[in-house]
Protein backbone atom coordinates (compact mmCIF):
# COMPACT_ATOMS: atom_id res chain seq x y z
CA MET A 1 -6.79 -34.03 -41.49
CA LEU A 2 -4.37 -36.28 -39.65
CA ALA A 3 -5.32 -38.26 -36.62
CA LYS A 4 -2.10 -37.17 -34.85
CA ASN A 5 -3.68 -33.70 -34.45
CA LEU A 6 -5.96 -35.31 -31.82
CA ASN A 7 -3.01 -35.83 -29.49
CA ARG A 8 -1.88 -32.19 -29.07
CA ASP A 9 -1.10 -30.43 -25.86
CA ASP A 10 -0.31 -27.00 -27.31
CA VAL A 11 -3.93 -26.09 -28.20
CA ARG A 12 -5.29 -23.78 -25.55
CA VAL A 13 -8.56 -22.61 -27.19
CA LEU A 14 -10.60 -25.05 -29.26
CA SER A 15 -13.39 -24.00 -31.61
CA VAL A 16 -15.93 -26.35 -33.12
CA ASP A 17 -18.11 -25.66 -36.14
CA GLU A 18 -20.45 -27.71 -38.19
CA VAL A 19 -20.59 -27.44 -41.99
CA ASN A 20 -22.28 -29.14 -44.91
CA LEU A 21 -19.91 -29.82 -47.83
CA ARG A 22 -22.87 -29.77 -50.24
CA LYS A 23 -25.67 -27.41 -49.62
CA GLY A 24 -28.97 -29.05 -48.57
CA GLN A 25 -27.53 -32.58 -48.25
CA PRO A 26 -27.37 -33.60 -44.57
CA SER A 27 -25.26 -36.70 -45.47
CA THR A 28 -22.34 -34.35 -46.15
CA ALA A 29 -22.40 -32.77 -42.65
CA CYS A 30 -18.97 -32.52 -40.92
CA SER A 31 -17.72 -31.22 -37.58
CA VAL A 32 -14.56 -29.16 -37.81
CA PHE A 33 -12.25 -28.68 -34.85
CA ILE A 34 -10.02 -25.53 -35.05
CA ASP A 35 -7.22 -24.03 -32.94
CA ALA A 36 -8.90 -20.73 -32.24
CA GLU A 37 -5.64 -18.92 -31.54
CA THR A 38 -3.80 -19.89 -34.75
CA HIS A 39 -6.94 -20.51 -36.89
CA ARG A 40 -5.45 -23.84 -37.97
CA GLY A 41 -7.79 -26.73 -38.73
CA LEU A 42 -7.05 -29.77 -36.54
CA VAL A 43 -9.60 -32.44 -37.34
CA ILE A 44 -12.59 -32.84 -39.70
CA VAL A 45 -15.03 -35.53 -38.59
CA GLN A 46 -17.80 -36.76 -41.01
CA GLY A 47 -21.16 -36.43 -39.44
CA SER A 48 -22.36 -33.86 -36.91
CA SER A 49 -23.70 -34.02 -33.42
C-alpha cells in the first residue's frame, strides 16, 4: 500500500493485525494497519512485532 496513507488525519479508529502470507513461514509475516470504520487497508508492513 502507498506510504501516503501514513499521513492521514481522517482515520479515527485504527486496527492492527498480523498475518502470514504463507502458512508456517515466519519470514512472510506482515503487520496490517486498517481503518476500522471504513474497513480500508492503509499500510502493510513486512515483518511483525
